[in-house]
Amino acid sequence: MIEYIYASLLLYKSGKEINEDNLKRVLEAAGIEVDEVKVKSLVAALKNIDIAKVLEQALAAPVAAAPVAAPTAPAEEEKKEEEAAEEEEEEKEVVSEEELAEGLGALFG
């Protein structure tokens, strides 16, 4: 379904009307087998949505702050910070690779 949303955003960005025919053309041009039900439901869902406003809100969404930990002994705190930094770095690497794979998979089927 994500490719249908990407196609809708492409139509929006190019100033074209988001309708069933235009959406089908974009999907077919990308080599995607079109599902009529998905096209109809997406077009119907987007009729009442201000895409510009949604995109603006998505870009302006604040990032949640990390919770503050209670004070501990300096040596113990430093050790915990190092461990947390290592774990966070490992998580970033894993998430980044997974996100990359998902993004490429969505783009290239």
C-alpha atoms as a PDB file:
ATOM      1  CA  MET A   1       0.000   0.000   0.000  1.00  0.00           C
ATOM      2  CA  ILE A   2       2.923   2.340   0.591  1.00  0.00           C
ATOM      3  CA  GLU A   3       3.615   2.564  -3.143  1.00  0.00           C
ATOM      4  CA  TYR A   4       0.074   3.903  -3.605  1.00  0.00           C
ATOM      5  CA  ILE A   5       0.754   6.610  -1.036  1.00  0.00           C
ATOM      6  CA  TYR A   6       4.071   7.457  -2.712  1.00  0.00           C
ATOM      7  CA  ALA A   7       2.263   7.747  -6.032  1.00  0.00           C
ATOM      8  CA  SER A   8      -0.296  10.066  -4.431  1.00  0.00           C
ATOM      9  CA  LEU A   9       2.448  12.245  -2.995  1.00  0.00           C
ATOM     10  CA  LEU A  10       4.149  12.358  -6.383  1.00  0.00           C
ATOM     11  CA  LEU A  11       0.908  13.525  -7.994  1.00  0.00           C
ATOM     12  CA  TYR A  12       0.448  16.122  -5.248  1.00  0.00           C
ATOM     13  CA  LYS A  13       4.023  17.404  -5.591  1.00  0.00           C
ATOM     14  CA  SER A  14       3.679  17.706  -9.378  1.00  0.00           C
ATOM     15  CA  GLY A  15       0.413  19.629  -9.042  1.00  0.00           C
ATOM     16  CA  LYS A  16      -1.701  16.924 -10.656  1.00  0.00           C
ATOM     17  CA  GLU A  17      -5.138  15.928  -9.433  1.00  0.00           C
ATOM     18  CA  ILE A  18      -5.152  12.824  -7.260  1.00  0.00           C
ATOM     19  CA  ASN A  19      -7.798  10.732  -8.973  1.00  0.00           C
ATOM     20  CA  GLU A  20      -8.104   7.085  -9.933  1.00  0.00           C
ATOM     21  CA  ASP A  21      -6.839   7.490 -13.501  1.00  0.00           C
ATOM     22  CA  ASN A  22      -3.767   9.539 -12.554  1.00  0.00           C
ATOM     23  CA  LEU A  23      -2.915   7.228  -9.676  1.00  0.00           C
ATOM     24  CA  LYS A  24      -3.175   4.162 -11.926  1.00  0.00           C
ATOM     25  CA  ARG A  25      -0.928   5.794 -14.531  1.00  0.00           C
ATOM     26  CA  VAL A  26       1.791   6.569 -11.990  1.00  0.00           C
ATOM     27  CA  LEU A  27       1.672   3.052 -10.562  1.00  0.00           C
ATOM     28  CA  GLU A  28       1.718   1.432 -14.003  1.00  0.00           C
ATOM     29  CA  ALA A  29       4.621   3.645 -15.065  1.00  0.00           C
ATOM     30  CA  ALA A  30       6.502   2.340 -12.039  1.00  0.00           C
ATOM     31  CA  GLY A  31       5.771  -1.238 -13.082  1.00  0.00           C
ATOM     32  CA  ILE A  32       3.365  -1.912 -10.211  1.00  0.00           C
ATOM     33  CA  GLU A  33       0.363  -4.163 -10.719  1.00  0.00           C
ATOM     34  CA  VAL A  34      -2.629  -1.949  -9.877  1.00  0.00           C
ATOM     35  CA  ASP A  35      -5.240  -3.111  -7.377  1.00  0.00           C
ATOM     36  CA  GLU A  36      -8.494  -1.274  -8.216  1.00  0.00           C
ATOM     37  CA  VAL A  37      -9.829  -1.574  -4.657  1.00  0.00           C
ATOM     38  CA  LYS A  38      -6.731   0.039  -3.161  1.00  0.00           C
ATOM     39  CA  VAL A  39      -6.832   2.837  -5.722  1.00  0.00           C
ATOM     40  CA  LYS A  40     -10.497   3.591  -5.053  1.00  0.00           C
ATOM     41  CA  SER A  41     -10.117   3.480  -1.278  1.00  0.00           C
ATOM     42  CA  LEU A  42      -7.037   5.705  -1.277  1.00  0.00           C
ATOM     43  CA  VAL A  43      -8.587   8.307  -3.575  1.00  0.00           C
ATOM     44  CA  ALA A  44     -11.724   8.327  -1.399  1.00  0.00           C
ATOM     45  CA  ALA A  45      -9.665   8.673   1.783  1.00  0.00           C
ATOM     46  CA  LEU A  46      -7.601  11.548   0.394  1.00  0.00           C
ATOM     47  CA  LYS A  47     -10.625  13.604  -0.698  1.00  0.00           C
ATOM     48  CA  ASN A  48     -11.084  15.070   2.789  1.00  0.00           C
ATOM     49  CA  ILE A  49      -7.408  15.456   3.652  1.00  0.00           C
ATOM     50  CA  ASP A  50      -5.346  18.621   3.242  1.00  0.00           C
ATOM     51  CA  ILE A  51      -2.050  17.032   2.196  1.00  0.00           C
ATOM     52  CA  ALA A  52      -0.104  20.281   2.557  1.00  0.00           C
ATOM     53  CA  LYS A  53      -1.229  20.615   6.169  1.00  0.00           C
ATOM     54  CA  VAL A  54      -0.419  16.987   6.960  1.00  0.00           C
ATOM     55  CA  LEU A  55       3.074  17.312   5.476  1.00  0.00           C
ATOM     56  CA  GLU A  56       3.661  20.552   7.364  1.00  0.00           C
ATOM     57  CA  GLN A  57       2.624  18.958  10.657  1.00  0.00           C
ATOM     58  CA  ALA A  58       4.809  15.920  10.005  1.00  0.00           C
ATOM     59  CA  LEU A  59       7.852  18.108   9.416  1.00  0.00           C
ATOM     60  CA  ALA A  60       7.156  20.279  12.463  1.00  0.00           C
ATOM     61  CA  ALA A  61       6.452  17.417  14.886  1.00  0.00           C
ATOM     62  CA  PRO A  62       8.625  17.759  17.974  1.00  0.00           C
ATOM     63  CA  VAL A  63      10.969  14.956  18.937  1.00  0.00           C
ATOM     64  CA  ALA A  64      10.261  13.501  22.381  1.00  0.00           C
ATOM     65  CA  ALA A  65      12.917  14.234  24.988  1.00  0.00           C
ATOM     66  CA  ALA A  66      14.643  11.338  26.731  1.00  0.00           C
ATOM     67  CA  PRO A  67      13.619  10.832  30.375  1.00  0.00           C
ATOM     68  CA  VAL A  68      16.034  12.157  32.981  1.00  0.00           C
ATOM     69  CA  ALA A  69      17.609   9.534  35.247  1.00  0.00           C
ATOM     70  CA  ALA A  70      18.029   9.976  38.996  1.00  0.00           C
ATOM     71  CA  PRO A  71      21.512  11.085  40.112  1.00  0.00           C
ATOM     72  CA  THR A  72      23.965   8.264  40.949  1.00  0.00           C
ATOM     73  CA  ALA A  73      27.580   7.997  42.000  1.00  0.00           C
ATOM     74  CA  PRO A  74      29.971   9.586  39.419  1.00  0.00           C
ATOM     75  CA  ALA A  75      31.892   6.394  38.524  1.00  0.00           C
ATOM     76  CA  GLU A  76      28.738   4.324  38.314  1.00  0.00           C
ATOM     77  CA  GLU A  77      27.021   7.018  36.276  1.00  0.00           C
ATOM     78  CA  GLU A  78      29.915   7.211  33.819  1.00  0.00           C
ATOM     79  CA  LYS A  79      29.894   3.428  33.351  1.00  0.00           C
ATOM     80  CA  LYS A  80      26.145   3.416  32.724  1.00  0.00           C
ATOM     81  CA  GLU A  81      26.482   6.257  30.217  1.00  0.00           C
ATOM     82  CA  GLU A  82      29.147   4.347  28.283  1.00  0.00           C
ATOM     83  CA  GLU A  83      27.005   1.203  28.219  1.00  0.00           C
ATOM     84  CA  ALA A  84      23.948   3.185  27.181  1.00  0.00           C
ATOM     85  CA  ALA A  85      25.905   4.915  24.423  1.00  0.00           C
ATOM     86  CA  GLU A  86      27.148   1.569  23.092  1.00  0.00           C
ATOM     87  CA  GLU A  87      23.657   0.073  23.145  1.00  0.00           C
ATOM     88  CA  GLU A  88      22.208   3.151  21.492  1.00  0.00           C
ATOM     89  CA  GLU A  89      24.831   3.030  18.746  1.00  0.00           C
ATOM     90  CA  GLU A  90      24.093  -0.648  18.109  1.00  0.00           C
ATOM     91  CA  GLU A  91      20.354   0.092  17.951  1.00  0.00           C
ATOM     92  CA  LYS A  92      20.939   2.951  15.526  1.00  0.00           C
ATOM     93  CA  GLU A  93      22.937   0.682  13.223  1.00  0.00           C
ATOM     94  CA  VAL A  94      20.288  -2.037  13.280  1.00  0.00           C
ATOM     95  CA  VAL A  95      17.413   0.393  12.800  1.00  0.00           C
ATOM     96  CA  SER A  96      19.217   2.217  10.038  1.00  0.00           C
ATOM     97  CA  GLU A  97      19.860  -0.989   8.106  1.00  0.00           C
ATOM     98  CA  GLU A  98      16.275  -2.141   8.608  1.00  0.00           C
ATOM     99  CA  GLU A  99      14.859   1.217   7.558  1.00  0.00           C
ATOM    100  CA  LEU A 100      17.095   1.251   4.528  1.00  0.00           C
ATOM    101  CA  ALA A 101      15.962  -2.215   3.506  1.00  0.00           C
ATOM    102  CA  GLU A 102      12.300  -1.294   3.983  1.00  0.00           C
ATOM    103  CA  GLY A 103      12.689   1.928   2.045  1.00  0.00           C
ATOM    104  CA  LEU A 104      14.439   0.260  -0.857  1.00  0.00           C
ATOM    105  CA  GLY A 105      11.981  -2.607  -0.809  1.00  0.00           C
ATOM    106  CA  ALA A 106       9.088  -0.174  -1.032  1.00  0.00           C
ATOM    107  CA  LEU A 107      10.699   1.717  -3.875  1.00  0.00           C
ATOM    108  CA  PHE A 108      11.721  -1.267  -5.947  1.00  0.00           C
ATOM    109  CA  GLY A 109       9.029  -3.794  -5.030  1.00  0.00           C
END
